[in-house]
Amino acid sequence: MGRTETLHLLREAREVFVDGHYAAALLLAISVINHSLIEELQLRDGVQGDPGLHKVLARSEDLNVLPVEWFAPIRQLVSRRHPFVHFKEPDHEHGLGARVMQEKTHPTRLLEQDARDAIMFMFRVFRATLREAA
C-alpha cells in the first residue's frame, strides 16, 4: 500500500531505465525519493505540503530519516538532475555538456550511471520509509 502517484513513479522509473531512457529515470527516481521523504516528514514532523527538495533533504538529515552517508550521493544526483528540470547555461558545472568535457565520457554513459545510482537510492529510500499498514 502507498500513495498511488509514488507507486506509479516507482514502477515507471524502473521501466524507463530498462528501456534506456536515462534522463527520465533520473527525474522519476528523484521524484520517488522526494515523495517518500515528504511522506515520512509528514508522519514524523508534521510537515505540510511540499517544502521543496533541498529543505526536505535537510530536514530528513536532521531527523536521521536515512543513514547519514546516503545524503551526499543523493544531493549529487539532485544536482545532476537540475539541468533537466531548471534551465541552465550550456557550461553550467552540473550540465551534461560540462560533465562530458570534464570526465571525457560519452553523455549516454554518464546518464546511465546517474540513472543507475538514482534507481538504487530510490529503492533504498522507499524501503527505508516503509511502514506497516495499520
C-alpha atoms as a PDB file:
ATOM      1  CA  MET A   1       0.000   0.000   0.000  1.00  0.00           C
ATOM      2  CA  GLY A   2       1.086   3.515  -0.594  1.00  0.00           C
ATOM      3  CA  ARG A   3       0.289   6.694  -2.428  1.00  0.00           C
ATOM      4  CA  THR A   4      -0.865   5.936  -5.940  1.00  0.00           C
ATOM      5  CA  GLU A   5       1.415   8.547  -7.507  1.00  0.00           C
ATOM      6  CA  THR A   6       4.504   7.350  -5.655  1.00  0.00           C
ATOM      7  CA  LEU A   7       3.898   3.703  -6.503  1.00  0.00           C
ATOM      8  CA  HIS A   8       3.299   4.609 -10.144  1.00  0.00           C
ATOM      9  CA  LEU A   9       6.522   6.644 -10.291  1.00  0.00           C
ATOM     10  CA  LEU A  10       8.428   3.783  -8.659  1.00  0.00           C
ATOM     11  CA  ARG A  11       7.283   1.326 -11.315  1.00  0.00           C
ATOM     12  CA  GLU A  12       7.711   3.754 -14.182  1.00  0.00           C
ATOM     13  CA  ALA A  13      11.237   4.792 -13.123  1.00  0.00           C
ATOM     14  CA  ARG A  14      12.317   1.172 -13.336  1.00  0.00           C
ATOM     15  CA  GLU A  15      10.610   0.706 -16.704  1.00  0.00           C
ATOM     16  CA  VAL A  16      12.152   3.758 -18.359  1.00  0.00           C
ATOM     17  CA  PHE A  17      15.578   2.763 -17.046  1.00  0.00           C
ATOM     18  CA  VAL A  18      15.215  -0.697 -18.587  1.00  0.00           C
ATOM     19  CA  ASP A  19      14.169   0.977 -21.855  1.00  0.00           C
ATOM     20  CA  GLY A  20      17.302   3.154 -21.807  1.00  0.00           C
ATOM     21  CA  HIS A  21      15.606   6.485 -21.067  1.00  0.00           C
ATOM     22  CA  TYR A  22      18.189   7.514 -18.510  1.00  0.00           C
ATOM     23  CA  ALA A  23      17.296  11.188 -18.038  1.00  0.00           C
ATOM     24  CA  ALA A  24      13.667  10.187 -17.445  1.00  0.00           C
ATOM     25  CA  ALA A  25      14.764   7.503 -14.983  1.00  0.00           C
ATOM     26  CA  LEU A  26      16.867  10.066 -13.104  1.00  0.00           C
ATOM     27  CA  LEU A  27      13.948  12.516 -12.896  1.00  0.00           C
ATOM     28  CA  LEU A  28      11.448   9.896 -11.804  1.00  0.00           C
ATOM     29  CA  ALA A  29      13.764   8.296  -9.245  1.00  0.00           C
ATOM     30  CA  ILE A  30      14.448  11.667  -7.598  1.00  0.00           C
ATOM     31  CA  SER A  31      10.684  12.268  -7.545  1.00  0.00           C
ATOM     32  CA  VAL A  32      10.132   8.985  -5.682  1.00  0.00           C
ATOM     33  CA  ILE A  33      12.859   9.930  -3.198  1.00  0.00           C
ATOM     34  CA  ASN A  34      11.173  13.306  -2.676  1.00  0.00           C
ATOM     35  CA  HIS A  35       7.703  11.748  -2.262  1.00  0.00           C
ATOM     36  CA  SER A  36       8.979   9.118   0.171  1.00  0.00           C
ATOM     37  CA  LEU A  37      10.810  11.649   2.317  1.00  0.00           C
ATOM     38  CA  ILE A  38       7.940  14.148   2.364  1.00  0.00           C
ATOM     39  CA  GLU A  39       5.526  11.447   3.472  1.00  0.00           C
ATOM     40  CA  GLU A  40       7.944  10.397   6.222  1.00  0.00           C
ATOM     41  CA  LEU A  41       8.377  14.017   7.341  1.00  0.00           C
ATOM     42  CA  GLN A  42       4.612  14.465   7.422  1.00  0.00           C
ATOM     43  CA  LEU A  43       4.349  11.498   9.789  1.00  0.00           C
ATOM     44  CA  ARG A  44       7.345  12.418  11.969  1.00  0.00           C
ATOM     45  CA  ASP A  45       7.428  16.191  11.929  1.00  0.00           C
ATOM     46  CA  GLY A  46       4.019  17.441  10.816  1.00  0.00           C
ATOM     47  CA  VAL A  47       5.367  18.875   7.551  1.00  0.00           C
ATOM     48  CA  GLN A  48       2.583  20.241   5.354  1.00  0.00           C
ATOM     49  CA  GLY A  49       2.677  20.103   1.562  1.00  0.00           C
ATOM     50  CA  ASP A  50       5.970  20.083  -0.317  1.00  0.00           C
ATOM     51  CA  PRO A  51       8.555  22.439   1.196  1.00  0.00           C
ATOM     52  CA  GLY A  52      10.981  21.834  -1.685  1.00  0.00           C
ATOM     53  CA  LEU A  53      13.548  19.117  -2.225  1.00  0.00           C
ATOM     54  CA  HIS A  54      16.501  20.910  -0.595  1.00  0.00           C
ATOM     55  CA  LYS A  55      14.501  21.564   2.577  1.00  0.00           C
ATOM     56  CA  VAL A  56      13.159  18.014   2.534  1.00  0.00           C
ATOM     57  CA  LEU A  57      16.691  16.614   2.364  1.00  0.00           C
ATOM     58  CA  ALA A  58      17.947  18.954   5.099  1.00  0.00           C
ATOM     59  CA  ARG A  59      15.058  18.147   7.446  1.00  0.00           C
ATOM     60  CA  SER A  60      15.363  14.420   6.723  1.00  0.00           C
ATOM     61  CA  GLU A  61      19.043  14.583   7.583  1.00  0.00           C
ATOM     62  CA  ASP A  62      18.312  16.498  10.810  1.00  0.00           C
ATOM     63  CA  LEU A  63      15.806  13.804  11.840  1.00  0.00           C
ATOM     64  CA  ASN A  64      18.053  10.887  10.816  1.00  0.00           C
ATOM     65  CA  VAL A  65      15.405   9.558   8.446  1.00  0.00           C
ATOM     66  CA  LEU A  66      18.122   7.849   6.365  1.00  0.00           C
ATOM     67  CA  PRO A  67      21.688   6.746   7.023  1.00  0.00           C
ATOM     68  CA  VAL A  68      23.867   9.845   7.042  1.00  0.00           C
ATOM     69  CA  GLU A  69      26.119   8.526   4.256  1.00  0.00           C
ATOM     70  CA  TRP A  70      23.198   8.467   1.790  1.00  0.00           C
ATOM     71  CA  PHE A  71      22.668  12.225   1.765  1.00  0.00           C
ATOM     72  CA  ALA A  72      25.800  13.315  -0.135  1.00  0.00           C
ATOM     73  CA  PRO A  73      25.233  10.955  -3.097  1.00  0.00           C
ATOM     74  CA  ILE A  74      21.527  11.826  -3.194  1.00  0.00           C
ATOM     75  CA  ARG A  75      22.368  15.542  -3.252  1.00  0.00           C
ATOM     76  CA  GLN A  76      24.844  14.908  -6.070  1.00  0.00           C
ATOM     77  CA  LEU A  77      22.137  13.131  -8.060  1.00  0.00           C
ATOM     78  CA  VAL A  78      19.778  16.048  -7.402  1.00  0.00           C
ATOM     79  CA  SER A  79      22.401  18.465  -8.741  1.00  0.00           C
ATOM     80  CA  ARG A  80      22.766  16.303 -11.853  1.00  0.00           C
ATOM     81  CA  ARG A  81      19.001  16.348 -12.276  1.00  0.00           C
ATOM     82  CA  HIS A  82      18.841  20.158 -12.105  1.00  0.00           C
ATOM     83  CA  PRO A  83      19.850  20.941 -15.708  1.00  0.00           C
ATOM     84  CA  PHE A  84      16.987  18.733 -16.911  1.00  0.00           C
ATOM     85  CA  VAL A  85      14.437  20.432 -14.656  1.00  0.00           C
ATOM     86  CA  HIS A  86      15.710  24.017 -14.478  1.00  0.00           C
ATOM     87  CA  PHE A  87      17.138  25.819 -17.495  1.00  0.00           C
ATOM     88  CA  LYS A  88      20.904  26.218 -17.111  1.00  0.00           C
ATOM     89  CA  GLU A  89      23.596  27.736 -19.297  1.00  0.00           C
ATOM     90  CA  PRO A  90      25.409  25.209 -21.531  1.00  0.00           C
ATOM     91  CA  ASP A  91      28.612  25.419 -19.500  1.00  0.00           C
ATOM     92  CA  HIS A  92      26.937  25.086 -16.086  1.00  0.00           C
ATOM     93  CA  GLU A  93      29.033  22.815 -13.846  1.00  0.00           C
ATOM     94  CA  HIS A  94      26.227  20.267 -13.378  1.00  0.00           C
ATOM     95  CA  GLY A  95      25.218  20.324 -17.037  1.00  0.00           C
ATOM     96  CA  LEU A  96      25.760  17.235 -19.108  1.00  0.00           C
ATOM     97  CA  GLY A  97      27.954  19.069 -21.628  1.00  0.00           C
ATOM     98  CA  ALA A  98      30.330  20.307 -18.942  1.00  0.00           C
ATOM     99  CA  ARG A  99      30.462  16.855 -17.380  1.00  0.00           C
ATOM    100  CA  VAL A 100      31.233  15.245 -20.751  1.00  0.00           C
ATOM    101  CA  MET A 101      34.185  17.577 -21.204  1.00  0.00           C
ATOM    102  CA  GLN A 102      35.394  17.199 -17.634  1.00  0.00           C
ATOM    103  CA  GLU A 103      35.034  13.411 -17.385  1.00  0.00           C
ATOM    104  CA  LYS A 104      35.866  12.678 -21.040  1.00  0.00           C
ATOM    105  CA  THR A 105      32.983  10.224 -21.170  1.00  0.00           C
ATOM    106  CA  HIS A 106      30.075   9.794 -23.578  1.00  0.00           C
ATOM    107  CA  PRO A 107      26.896  11.531 -22.338  1.00  0.00           C
ATOM    108  CA  THR A 108      24.856   8.331 -22.533  1.00  0.00           C
ATOM    109  CA  ARG A 109      27.342   6.557 -20.288  1.00  0.00           C
ATOM    110  CA  LEU A 110      27.210   9.402 -17.746  1.00  0.00           C
ATOM    111  CA  LEU A 111      23.418   9.472 -17.753  1.00  0.00           C
ATOM    112  CA  GLU A 112      23.198   5.704 -17.488  1.00  0.00           C
ATOM    113  CA  GLN A 113      25.367   5.738 -14.351  1.00  0.00           C
ATOM    114  CA  ASP A 114      23.403   8.644 -12.874  1.00  0.00           C
ATOM    115  CA  ALA A 115      20.153   6.797 -13.549  1.00  0.00           C
ATOM    116  CA  ARG A 116      21.529   3.533 -12.136  1.00  0.00           C
ATOM    117  CA  ASP A 117      22.588   5.319  -8.934  1.00  0.00           C
ATOM    118  CA  ALA A 118      19.281   7.188  -8.698  1.00  0.00           C
ATOM    119  CA  ILE A 119      17.269   3.978  -9.111  1.00  0.00           C
ATOM    120  CA  MET A 120      19.377   2.302  -6.420  1.00  0.00           C
ATOM    121  CA  PHE A 121      18.757   5.168  -3.977  1.00  0.00           C
ATOM    122  CA  MET A 122      15.092   5.343  -4.977  1.00  0.00           C
ATOM    123  CA  PHE A 123      14.587   1.753  -3.815  1.00  0.00           C
ATOM    124  CA  ARG A 124      16.732   2.263  -0.705  1.00  0.00           C
ATOM    125  CA  VAL A 125      14.820   5.370   0.365  1.00  0.00           C
ATOM    126  CA  PHE A 126      11.473   3.787  -0.454  1.00  0.00           C
ATOM    127  CA  ARG A 127      12.315   0.713   1.659  1.00  0.00           C
ATOM    128  CA  ALA A 128      13.737   2.838   4.479  1.00  0.00           C
ATOM    129  CA  THR A 129      10.493   4.781   4.760  1.00  0.00           C
ATOM    130  CA  LEU A 130       8.086   1.826   4.539  1.00  0.00           C
ATOM    131  CA  ARG A 131       5.723   1.308   7.453  1.00  0.00           C
ATOM    132  CA  GLU A 132       3.390  -1.490   8.370  1.00  0.00           C
ATOM    133  CA  ALA A 133      -0.217  -0.922   7.375  1.00  0.00           C
ATOM    134  CA  ALA A 134      -2.427  -0.182  10.355  1.00  0.00           C
END
